[in-house]
Amino acid sequence: MKLYPIETGNFKLDGGAMFGVVPKSLWTKTNPADANNQIDLAARCLLVEDGNRLILIDTGMGNKQSDKFFSYYALWGNHDTDKSLAKYGFHRDDVTDVFMTHLHFDHCGGSVVWNKEHTGYEVAFKNANYWTNENHWEWATKPNAREKASFLPENILPIQESGRLKFIERPDGDLLEKSELGFGIFFADGHTEKQMIPLINFNGKTIAFMADLLPTAGHLPLPYVMGYDTRPLLTLDEKAKFLNMAAENNFCLFLEHDAHNEIITVEQTEKGVRLQEIFTAEDFLMKC
């Protein structure tokens, strides 16, 4: 097995929204804000090469939305999905599976693109199956008013129409030991219904792709919960359970949204689970 970080683009969001009820004087110590109160964020995805399978975990925002839409998110940097794939010798047509942690636009927007005529949509990875779970699909296609702006039909429905939509089977508990794609999954419901956190056994280490359960290293303290989470008290419990498990088992946490900290490890302290070490994703995954 080989793992590759895929940088799909950087953006910004309001720091207050990203940290909920936590005062700015606290969260700016780890995530400084600009003049518009926005903080740097990444859309860092993960490519898993495992035998005949090439699995892409999340796909970023994509590029099919309007200039007005993207203006809300202050895009910055020069990262690009195709350039990032090509860096490791791959093309989007090589991808066999797209695993979507959840269907918010910044995680799945790159799954669908305009067709050549710009008259409709088609899947961006034409040879891939697209994986979600049935509960989350139902949640996303019949969205509540709070999340409606994050579940965009043009990012979701063309996947079903392509005939390539697949569902991961949900276990009785919150941990699936091994999925159809070969890795484990931790299911979390605080941010959104049935978000999936992949747990990949890689050279004797567990790489956890954290999605929105832990957006940045600055979110390690339990009360640091995003204002975007639909069930923040449940997020508290899920974070506590997962971070304790991560510290106890020496997980390596792959951070999708942290623009400046890519992979971290954590440890138990008298204040709870806290940051231990920071690694660049490419160096860590290539040398592990």
C-alpha atoms as a PDB file:
ATOM      1  CA  MET A   1       0.000   0.000   0.000  1.00  0.00           C
ATOM      2  CA  LYS A   2       1.061   3.552  -0.761  1.00  0.00           C
ATOM      3  CA  LEU A   3      -0.551   6.820   0.383  1.00  0.00           C
ATOM      4  CA  TYR A   4      -0.319  10.225  -1.290  1.00  0.00           C
ATOM      5  CA  PRO A   5      -1.611  13.624  -0.081  1.00  0.00           C
ATOM      6  CA  ILE A   6      -3.738  15.278  -2.771  1.00  0.00           C
ATOM      7  CA  GLU A   7      -3.996  19.044  -2.391  1.00  0.00           C
ATOM      8  CA  THR A   8      -7.172  20.233  -4.130  1.00  0.00           C
ATOM      9  CA  GLY A   9      -7.096  23.889  -3.072  1.00  0.00           C
ATOM     10  CA  ASN A  10      -7.052  26.287  -0.129  1.00  0.00           C
ATOM     11  CA  PHE A  11      -9.800  28.564   1.133  1.00  0.00           C
ATOM     12  CA  LYS A  12     -10.855  30.610   4.150  1.00  0.00           C
ATOM     13  CA  LEU A  13     -13.811  30.599   6.516  1.00  0.00           C
ATOM     14  CA  ASP A  14     -14.911  32.796   9.378  1.00  0.00           C
ATOM     15  CA  GLY A  15     -12.917  31.880  12.459  1.00  0.00           C
ATOM     16  CA  GLY A  16     -15.873  32.359  14.775  1.00  0.00           C
ATOM     17  CA  ALA A  17     -17.946  29.885  12.759  1.00  0.00           C
ATOM     18  CA  MET A  18     -15.057  27.437  12.820  1.00  0.00           C
ATOM     19  CA  PHE A  19     -14.754  27.549  16.621  1.00  0.00           C
ATOM     20  CA  GLY A  20     -18.334  28.034  17.774  1.00  0.00           C
ATOM     21  CA  VAL A  21     -18.642  29.401  21.305  1.00  0.00           C
ATOM     22  CA  VAL A  22     -14.876  29.563  21.931  1.00  0.00           C
ATOM     23  CA  PRO A  23     -13.693  33.202  22.316  1.00  0.00           C
ATOM     24  CA  LYS A  24     -11.535  34.655  19.567  1.00  0.00           C
ATOM     25  CA  SER A  25      -8.822  35.476  22.096  1.00  0.00           C
ATOM     26  CA  LEU A  26      -8.336  31.722  22.529  1.00  0.00           C
ATOM     27  CA  TRP A  27      -8.685  30.271  19.037  1.00  0.00           C
ATOM     28  CA  THR A  28      -6.436  32.882  17.407  1.00  0.00           C
ATOM     29  CA  LYS A  29      -3.495  31.464  19.386  1.00  0.00           C
ATOM     30  CA  THR A  30      -3.490  28.463  17.034  1.00  0.00           C
ATOM     31  CA  ASN A  31      -5.484  29.747  14.044  1.00  0.00           C
ATOM     32  CA  PRO A  32      -4.791  33.466  13.468  1.00  0.00           C
ATOM     33  CA  ALA A  33      -7.445  35.437  11.608  1.00  0.00           C
ATOM     34  CA  ASP A  34      -7.032  37.992   8.833  1.00  0.00           C
ATOM     35  CA  ALA A  35      -8.675  41.421   8.683  1.00  0.00           C
ATOM     36  CA  ASN A  36     -11.966  39.786   7.664  1.00  0.00           C
ATOM     37  CA  ASN A  37     -11.875  37.424  10.650  1.00  0.00           C
ATOM     38  CA  GLN A  38     -11.185  34.484   8.318  1.00  0.00           C
ATOM     39  CA  ILE A  39      -8.709  31.679   8.946  1.00  0.00           C
ATOM     40  CA  ASP A  40      -6.610  29.643   6.505  1.00  0.00           C
ATOM     41  CA  LEU A  41      -8.027  26.250   5.560  1.00  0.00           C
ATOM     42  CA  ALA A  42      -7.058  23.451   3.207  1.00  0.00           C
ATOM     43  CA  ALA A  43      -8.951  20.842   1.219  1.00  0.00           C
ATOM     44  CA  ARG A  44      -6.329  18.111   1.550  1.00  0.00           C
ATOM     45  CA  CYS A  45      -7.479  14.762   0.268  1.00  0.00           C
ATOM     46  CA  LEU A  46      -5.811  11.356   0.425  1.00  0.00           C
ATOM     47  CA  LEU A  47      -5.045   8.886  -2.358  1.00  0.00           C
ATOM     48  CA  VAL A  48      -4.735   5.229  -1.363  1.00  0.00           C
ATOM     49  CA  GLU A  49      -2.946   2.873  -3.763  1.00  0.00           C
ATOM     50  CA  ASP A  50      -3.758  -0.655  -2.648  1.00  0.00           C
ATOM     51  CA  GLY A  51      -3.252  -3.469  -5.136  1.00  0.00           C
ATOM     52  CA  ASN A  52      -5.460  -2.855  -8.155  1.00  0.00           C
ATOM     53  CA  ARG A  53      -7.401  -0.155  -6.346  1.00  0.00           C
ATOM     54  CA  LEU A  54      -6.709   3.577  -6.380  1.00  0.00           C
ATOM     55  CA  ILE A  55      -8.994   5.156  -3.797  1.00  0.00           C
ATOM     56  CA  LEU A  56      -9.427   8.916  -3.455  1.00  0.00           C
ATOM     57  CA  ILE A  57     -10.786  10.047  -0.083  1.00  0.00           C
ATOM     58  CA  ASP A  58     -12.802  13.250  -0.580  1.00  0.00           C
ATOM     59  CA  THR A  59     -12.459  15.541  -3.600  1.00  0.00           C
ATOM     60  CA  GLY A  60     -12.462  19.152  -2.358  1.00  0.00           C
ATOM     61  CA  MET A  61     -14.697  21.948  -3.657  1.00  0.00           C
ATOM     62  CA  GLY A  62     -14.144  21.393  -7.359  1.00  0.00           C
ATOM     63  CA  ASN A  63     -14.305  24.282  -9.818  1.00  0.00           C
ATOM     64  CA  LYS A  64     -17.789  24.270 -11.332  1.00  0.00           C
ATOM     65  CA  GLN A  65     -19.415  26.841  -9.062  1.00  0.00           C
ATOM     66  CA  SER A  66     -19.755  30.521  -9.977  1.00  0.00           C
ATOM     67  CA  ASP A  67     -17.212  33.237  -9.240  1.00  0.00           C
ATOM     68  CA  LYS A  68     -19.718  34.709  -6.798  1.00  0.00           C
ATOM     69  CA  PHE A  69     -19.914  31.400  -4.928  1.00  0.00           C
ATOM     70  CA  PHE A  70     -16.146  31.081  -4.626  1.00  0.00           C
ATOM     71  CA  SER A  71     -15.799  34.713  -3.557  1.00  0.00           C
ATOM     72  CA  TYR A  72     -17.403  33.778  -0.241  1.00  0.00           C
ATOM     73  CA  TYR A  73     -14.538  31.377   0.483  1.00  0.00           C
ATOM     74  CA  ALA A  74     -11.493  33.526  -0.415  1.00  0.00           C
ATOM     75  CA  LEU A  75      -9.644  30.891  -2.430  1.00  0.00           C
ATOM     76  CA  TRP A  76      -5.858  31.174  -2.179  1.00  0.00           C
ATOM     77  CA  GLY A  77      -2.752  29.303  -3.308  1.00  0.00           C
ATOM     78  CA  ASN A  78      -2.196  27.348  -6.511  1.00  0.00           C
ATOM     79  CA  HIS A  79      -3.145  23.777  -5.570  1.00  0.00           C
ATOM     80  CA  ASP A  80      -5.109  21.759  -8.101  1.00  0.00           C
ATOM     81  CA  THR A  81      -6.421  18.188  -8.107  1.00  0.00           C
ATOM     82  CA  ASP A  82      -5.038  17.237 -11.517  1.00  0.00           C
ATOM     83  CA  LYS A  83      -1.616  18.714 -10.788  1.00  0.00           C
ATOM     84  CA  SER A  84      -1.515  16.948  -7.450  1.00  0.00           C
ATOM     85  CA  LEU A  85      -2.420  13.585  -9.004  1.00  0.00           C
ATOM     86  CA  ALA A  86       0.113  14.077 -11.804  1.00  0.00           C
ATOM     87  CA  LYS A  87       2.850  14.775  -9.252  1.00  0.00           C
ATOM     88  CA  TYR A  88       2.626  11.103  -8.263  1.00  0.00           C
ATOM     89  CA  GLY A  89       2.135   9.792 -11.789  1.00  0.00           C
ATOM     90  CA  PHE A  90      -1.646   9.471 -11.784  1.00  0.00           C
ATOM     91  CA  HIS A  91      -4.578  10.771 -13.830  1.00  0.00           C
ATOM     92  CA  ARG A  92      -8.158  11.104 -12.626  1.00  0.00           C
ATOM     93  CA  ASP A  93      -9.149   8.259 -14.969  1.00  0.00           C
ATOM     94  CA  ASP A  94      -6.892   5.941 -12.924  1.00  0.00           C
ATOM     95  CA  VAL A  95      -9.023   6.361  -9.803  1.00  0.00           C
ATOM     96  CA  THR A  96     -11.123   3.252  -9.135  1.00  0.00           C
ATOM     97  CA  ASP A  97     -13.011   4.456  -6.053  1.00  0.00           C
ATOM     98  CA  VAL A  98     -14.009   7.799  -4.547  1.00  0.00           C
ATOM     99  CA  PHE A  99     -14.777   7.620  -0.835  1.00  0.00           C
ATOM    100  CA  MET A 100     -16.756  10.599   0.445  1.00  0.00           C
ATOM    101  CA  THR A 101     -16.536  11.193   4.193  1.00  0.00           C
ATOM    102  CA  HIS A 102     -19.709  13.244   3.832  1.00  0.00           C
ATOM    103  CA  LEU A 103     -21.446  15.280   1.145  1.00  0.00           C
ATOM    104  CA  HIS A 104     -20.838  18.888   2.183  1.00  0.00           C
ATOM    105  CA  PHE A 105     -19.640  20.853  -0.849  1.00  0.00           C
ATOM    106  CA  ASP A 106     -16.053  21.318   0.355  1.00  0.00           C
ATOM    107  CA  HIS A 107     -15.664  17.546   0.613  1.00  0.00           C
ATOM    108  CA  CYS A 108     -17.443  16.308  -2.511  1.00  0.00           C
ATOM    109  CA  GLY A 109     -17.680  19.246  -4.949  1.00  0.00           C
ATOM    110  CA  GLY A 110     -14.783  17.865  -6.984  1.00  0.00           C
ATOM    111  CA  SER A 111     -16.659  14.605  -7.557  1.00  0.00           C
ATOM    112  CA  VAL A 112     -18.756  16.170 -10.325  1.00  0.00           C
ATOM    113  CA  VAL A 113     -17.768  18.446 -13.222  1.00  0.00           C
ATOM    114  CA  TRP A 114     -19.428  20.210 -16.136  1.00  0.00           C
ATOM    115  CA  ASN A 115     -19.729  18.171 -19.314  1.00  0.00           C
ATOM    116  CA  LYS A 116     -17.833  19.301 -22.428  1.00  0.00           C
ATOM    117  CA  GLU A 117     -20.803  21.270 -23.741  1.00  0.00           C
ATOM    118  CA  HIS A 118     -21.290  22.976 -20.366  1.00  0.00           C
ATOM    119  CA  THR A 119     -24.937  21.957 -20.526  1.00  0.00           C
ATOM    120  CA  GLY A 120     -24.983  19.473 -17.670  1.00  0.00           C
ATOM    121  CA  TYR A 121     -22.892  17.513 -15.216  1.00  0.00           C
ATOM    122  CA  GLU A 122     -20.919  14.297 -15.216  1.00  0.00           C
ATOM    123  CA  VAL A 123     -18.770  12.461 -12.700  1.00  0.00           C
ATOM    124  CA  ALA A 124     -15.189  13.728 -12.550  1.00  0.00           C
ATOM    125  CA  PHE A 125     -13.669  10.264 -12.107  1.00  0.00           C
ATOM    126  CA  LYS A 126     -15.376   8.325 -14.861  1.00  0.00           C
ATOM    127  CA  ASN A 127     -13.931   4.914 -14.000  1.00  0.00           C
ATOM    128  CA  ALA A 128     -14.603   5.122 -10.265  1.00  0.00           C
ATOM    129  CA  ASN A 129     -17.337   3.949  -7.969  1.00  0.00           C
ATOM    130  CA  TYR A 130     -18.488   6.593  -5.471  1.00  0.00           C
ATOM    131  CA  TRP A 131     -18.959   5.518  -1.860  1.00  0.00           C
ATOM    132  CA  THR A 132     -21.137   7.038   0.855  1.00  0.00           C
ATOM    133  CA  ASN A 133     -23.635   5.399   3.218  1.00  0.00           C
ATOM    134  CA  GLU A 134     -27.382   5.129   2.879  1.00  0.00           C
ATOM    135  CA  ASN A 135     -28.249   7.111   5.997  1.00  0.00           C
ATOM    136  CA  HIS A 136     -26.075  10.042   4.990  1.00  0.00           C
ATOM    137  CA  TRP A 137     -27.303   9.942   1.385  1.00  0.00           C
ATOM    138  CA  GLU A 138     -30.890  10.241   2.625  1.00  0.00           C
ATOM    139  CA  TRP A 139     -29.850  13.104   4.931  1.00  0.00           C
ATOM    140  CA  ALA A 140     -28.048  14.956   2.135  1.00  0.00           C
ATOM    141  CA  THR A 141     -30.689  14.555  -0.573  1.00  0.00           C
ATOM    142  CA  LYS A 142     -33.472  15.709   1.758  1.00  0.00           C
ATOM    143  CA  PRO A 143     -31.515  18.382   3.632  1.00  0.00           C
ATOM    144  CA  ASN A 144     -32.582  20.262   6.726  1.00  0.00           C
ATOM    145  CA  ALA A 145     -32.689  24.055   6.549  1.00  0.00           C
ATOM    146  CA  ARG A 146     -29.441  24.380   8.514  1.00  0.00           C
ATOM    147  CA  GLU A 147     -27.371  22.305   6.078  1.00  0.00           C
ATOM    148  CA  LYS A 148     -29.181  22.994   2.824  1.00  0.00           C
ATOM    149  CA  ALA A 149     -26.530  25.470   1.654  1.00  0.00           C
ATOM    150  CA  SER A 150     -23.837  22.795   2.126  1.00  0.00           C
ATOM    151  CA  PHE A 151     -25.624  19.964   0.303  1.00  0.00           C
ATOM    152  CA  LEU A 152     -25.680  21.172  -3.304  1.00  0.00           C
ATOM    153  CA  PRO A 153     -27.752  18.973  -5.670  1.00  0.00           C
ATOM    154  CA  GLU A 154     -25.283  19.432  -8.527  1.00  0.00           C
ATOM    155  CA  ASN A 155     -22.562  17.847  -6.358  1.00  0.00           C
ATOM    156  CA  ILE A 156     -24.689  14.885  -5.354  1.00  0.00           C
ATOM    157  CA  LEU A 157     -27.444  13.816  -7.753  1.00  0.00           C
ATOM    158  CA  PRO A 158     -25.224  13.327 -10.852  1.00  0.00           C
ATOM    159  CA  ILE A 159     -23.384  10.609  -8.914  1.00  0.00           C
ATOM    160  CA  GLN A 160     -26.591   8.613  -8.564  1.00  0.00           C
ATOM    161  CA  GLU A 161     -27.530   9.304 -12.171  1.00  0.00           C
ATOM    162  CA  SER A 162     -24.158   7.931 -13.312  1.00  0.00           C
ATOM    163  CA  GLY A 163     -24.999   4.515 -11.880  1.00  0.00           C
ATOM    164  CA  ARG A 164     -21.759   4.498  -9.876  1.00  0.00           C
ATOM    165  CA  LEU A 165     -23.168   5.234  -6.422  1.00  0.00           C
ATOM    166  CA  LYS A 166     -22.304   2.635  -3.773  1.00  0.00           C
ATOM    167  CA  PHE A 167     -23.231   2.416  -0.090  1.00  0.00           C
ATOM    168  CA  ILE A 168     -20.963   1.383   2.777  1.00  0.00           C
ATOM    169  CA  GLU A 169     -22.834  -0.875   5.180  1.00  0.00           C
ATOM    170  CA  ARG A 170     -23.283   0.767   8.588  1.00  0.00           C
ATOM    171  CA  PRO A 171     -22.353  -1.429  11.601  1.00  0.00           C
ATOM    172  CA  ASP A 172     -24.467  -1.712  14.730  1.00  0.00           C
ATOM    173  CA  GLY A 173     -22.018   0.494  16.649  1.00  0.00           C
ATOM    174  CA  ASP A 174     -19.883   3.433  15.573  1.00  0.00           C
ATOM    175  CA  LEU A 175     -16.854   1.460  14.403  1.00  0.00           C
ATOM    176  CA  LEU A 176     -16.658  -0.697  11.290  1.00  0.00           C
ATOM    177  CA  GLU A 177     -13.550  -2.862  11.567  1.00  0.00           C
ATOM    178  CA  LYS A 178     -13.154  -3.326   7.826  1.00  0.00           C
ATOM    179  CA  SER A 179     -15.157  -1.853   4.954  1.00  0.00           C
ATOM    180  CA  GLU A 180     -15.562  -2.947   1.345  1.00  0.00           C
ATOM    181  CA  LEU A 181     -12.560  -0.738   0.560  1.00  0.00           C
ATOM    182  CA  GLY A 182     -10.257  -2.534   2.947  1.00  0.00           C
ATOM    183  CA  PHE A 183     -10.033  -0.003   5.769  1.00  0.00           C
ATOM    184  CA  GLY A 184     -11.932   0.601   8.982  1.00  0.00           C
ATOM    185  CA  ILE A 185     -14.421   3.432   9.481  1.00  0.00           C
ATOM    186  CA  PHE A 186     -15.433   5.425  12.546  1.00  0.00           C
ATOM    187  CA  PHE A 187     -18.967   6.797  12.149  1.00  0.00           C
ATOM    188  CA  ALA A 188     -19.667  10.206  13.705  1.00  0.00           C
ATOM    189  CA  ASP A 189     -23.021  11.985  13.840  1.00  0.00           C
ATOM    190  CA  GLY A 190     -22.226  15.276  15.551  1.00  0.00           C
ATOM    191  CA  HIS A 191     -21.121  17.292  12.529  1.00  0.00           C
ATOM    192  CA  THR A 192     -23.649  15.735  10.187  1.00  0.00           C
ATOM    193  CA  GLU A 193     -25.510  12.440   9.963  1.00  0.00           C
ATOM    194  CA  LYS A 194     -23.150   9.461   9.543  1.00  0.00           C
ATOM    195  CA  GLN A 195     -19.903  11.217   8.680  1.00  0.00           C
ATOM    196  CA  MET A 196     -17.276   8.529   7.984  1.00  0.00           C
ATOM    197  CA  ILE A 197     -13.698   8.721   9.304  1.00  0.00           C
ATOM    198  CA  PRO A 198     -11.405   6.227   7.500  1.00  0.00           C
ATOM    199  CA  LEU A 199      -8.875   4.295   9.601  1.00  0.00           C
ATOM    200  CA  ILE A 200      -6.126   2.969   7.338  1.00  0.00           C
ATOM    201  CA  ASN A 201      -3.596   0.355   8.441  1.00  0.00           C
ATOM    202  CA  PHE A 202      -0.382   1.598   6.852  1.00  0.00           C
ATOM    203  CA  ASN A 203       2.960  -0.074   7.569  1.00  0.00           C
ATOM    204  CA  GLY A 204       1.921  -0.930  11.102  1.00  0.00           C
ATOM    205  CA  LYS A 205       0.472   2.501  11.839  1.00  0.00           C
ATOM    206  CA  THR A 206      -3.143   3.678  11.808  1.00  0.00           C
ATOM    207  CA  ILE A 207      -3.693   6.726   9.613  1.00  0.00           C
ATOM    208  CA  ALA A 208      -6.990   8.422  10.498  1.00  0.00           C
ATOM    209  CA  PHE A 209      -8.404  10.788   7.888  1.00  0.00           C
ATOM    210  CA  MET A 210     -10.084  13.276  10.206  1.00  0.00           C
ATOM    211  CA  ALA A 211     -12.472  15.131   7.846  1.00  0.00           C
ATOM    212  CA  ASP A 212     -14.630  17.416  10.039  1.00  0.00           C
ATOM    213  CA  LEU A 213     -14.366  15.473  13.282  1.00  0.00           C
ATOM    214  CA  LEU A 214     -11.090  17.367  13.845  1.00  0.00           C
ATOM    215  CA  PRO A 215     -10.787  20.150  11.248  1.00  0.00           C
ATOM    216  CA  THR A 216      -7.455  21.554  12.475  1.00  0.00           C
ATOM    217  CA  ALA A 217      -4.917  20.913  15.210  1.00  0.00           C
ATOM    218  CA  GLY A 218      -6.383  23.947  16.953  1.00  0.00           C
ATOM    219  CA  HIS A 219      -9.617  22.001  17.512  1.00  0.00           C
ATOM    220  CA  LEU A 220      -8.039  19.415  19.840  1.00  0.00           C
ATOM    221  CA  PRO A 221      -9.581  20.764  23.101  1.00  0.00           C
ATOM    222  CA  LEU A 222     -12.994  19.113  23.430  1.00  0.00           C
ATOM    223  CA  PRO A 223     -15.101  22.316  23.650  1.00  0.00           C
ATOM    224  CA  TYR A 224     -13.548  23.657  20.430  1.00  0.00           C
ATOM    225  CA  VAL A 225     -16.451  22.564  18.220  1.00  0.00           C
ATOM    226  CA  MET A 226     -17.455  24.180  14.949  1.00  0.00           C
ATOM    227  CA  GLY A 227     -20.564  26.309  14.739  1.00  0.00           C
ATOM    228  CA  TYR A 228     -21.392  24.268  11.634  1.00  0.00           C
ATOM    229  CA  ASP A 229     -21.956  21.065  13.632  1.00  0.00           C
ATOM    230  CA  THR A 230     -25.606  20.039  13.774  1.00  0.00           C
ATOM    231  CA  ARG A 231     -25.269  18.251  17.140  1.00  0.00           C
ATOM    232  CA  PRO A 232     -22.391  19.917  19.038  1.00  0.00           C
ATOM    233  CA  LEU A 233     -22.923  18.009  22.292  1.00  0.00           C
ATOM    234  CA  LEU A 234     -22.673  14.758  20.371  1.00  0.00           C
ATOM    235  CA  THR A 235     -19.482  16.025  18.732  1.00  0.00           C
ATOM    236  CA  LEU A 236     -18.038  16.507  22.234  1.00  0.00           C
ATOM    237  CA  ASP A 237     -18.656  12.849  23.059  1.00  0.00           C
ATOM    238  CA  GLU A 238     -17.390  11.606  19.699  1.00  0.00           C
ATOM    239  CA  LYS A 239     -14.225  13.694  19.883  1.00  0.00           C
ATOM    240  CA  ALA A 240     -13.516  12.472  23.406  1.00  0.00           C
ATOM    241  CA  LYS A 241     -13.949   8.830  22.416  1.00  0.00           C
ATOM    242  CA  PHE A 242     -11.927   9.132  19.239  1.00  0.00           C
ATOM    243  CA  LEU A 243      -9.070  11.242  20.630  1.00  0.00           C
ATOM    244  CA  ASN A 244      -8.663   8.956  23.636  1.00  0.00           C
ATOM    245  CA  MET A 245      -8.492   6.015  21.230  1.00  0.00           C
ATOM    246  CA  ALA A 246      -6.000   7.908  19.043  1.00  0.00           C
ATOM    247  CA  ALA A 247      -3.706   8.740  21.964  1.00  0.00           C
ATOM    248  CA  GLU A 248      -3.869   5.226  23.386  1.00  0.00           C
ATOM    249  CA  ASN A 249      -3.131   3.548  20.037  1.00  0.00           C
ATOM    250  CA  ASN A 250      -0.693   6.100  18.576  1.00  0.00           C
ATOM    251  CA  PHE A 251      -2.875   7.017  15.604  1.00  0.00           C
ATOM    252  CA  CYS A 252      -1.504   9.422  13.041  1.00  0.00           C
ATOM    253  CA  LEU A 253      -4.177  12.034  12.310  1.00  0.00           C
ATOM    254  CA  PHE A 254      -4.336  13.263   8.710  1.00  0.00           C
ATOM    255  CA  LEU A 255      -5.876  16.736   8.829  1.00  0.00           C
ATOM    256  CA  GLU A 256      -8.007  17.592   5.816  1.00  0.00           C
ATOM    257  CA  HIS A 257      -8.644  21.244   6.662  1.00  0.00           C
ATOM    258  CA  ASP A 258      -5.532  22.417   8.504  1.00  0.00           C
ATOM    259  CA  ALA A 259      -3.561  24.498   6.003  1.00  0.00           C
ATOM    260  CA  HIS A 260      -0.387  24.480   8.108  1.00  0.00           C
ATOM    261  CA  ASN A 261      -0.393  21.183  10.045  1.00  0.00           C
ATOM    262  CA  GLU A 262      -0.823  18.146   7.840  1.00  0.00           C
ATOM    263  CA  ILE A 263      -0.342  15.055  10.019  1.00  0.00           C
ATOM    264  CA  ILE A 264      -0.226  15.082  13.804  1.00  0.00           C
ATOM    265  CA  THR A 265       0.040  12.665  16.676  1.00  0.00           C
ATOM    266  CA  VAL A 266      -1.550  13.249  20.076  1.00  0.00           C
ATOM    267  CA  GLU A 267      -0.924  12.288  23.686  1.00  0.00           C
ATOM    268  CA  GLN A 268      -2.725  12.272  27.012  1.00  0.00           C
ATOM    269  CA  THR A 269      -1.916  15.194  29.312  1.00  0.00           C
ATOM    270  CA  GLU A 270      -3.368  16.533  32.535  1.00  0.00           C
ATOM    271  CA  LYS A 271      -5.479  18.857  30.349  1.00  0.00           C
ATOM    272  CA  GLY A 272      -6.743  16.016  28.172  1.00  0.00           C
ATOM    273  CA  VAL A 273      -5.571  14.858  24.740  1.00  0.00           C
ATOM    274  CA  ARG A 274      -3.171  17.378  23.253  1.00  0.00           C
ATOM    275  CA  LEU A 275      -0.785  17.789  20.338  1.00  0.00           C
ATOM    276  CA  GLN A 276       2.336  15.634  20.424  1.00  0.00           C
ATOM    277  CA  GLU A 277       4.140  15.902  17.060  1.00  0.00           C
ATOM    278  CA  ILE A 278       3.564  17.523  13.650  1.00  0.00           C
ATOM    279  CA  PHE A 279       4.633  16.057  10.300  1.00  0.00           C
ATOM    280  CA  THR A 280       4.336  17.086   6.680  1.00  0.00           C
ATOM    281  CA  ALA A 281       2.101  14.593   4.911  1.00  0.00           C
ATOM    282  CA  GLU A 282       4.393  13.880   1.987  1.00  0.00           C
ATOM    283  CA  ASP A 283       7.493  13.308   4.110  1.00  0.00           C
ATOM    284  CA  PHE A 284       5.631  11.186   6.631  1.00  0.00           C
ATOM    285  CA  LEU A 285       3.802   8.996   4.096  1.00  0.00           C
ATOM    286  CA  MET A 286       6.815   8.541   1.829  1.00  0.00           C
ATOM    287  CA  LYS A 287       9.200   7.646   4.665  1.00  0.00           C
ATOM    288  CA  CYS A 288       6.866   5.637   6.877  1.00  0.00           C
END
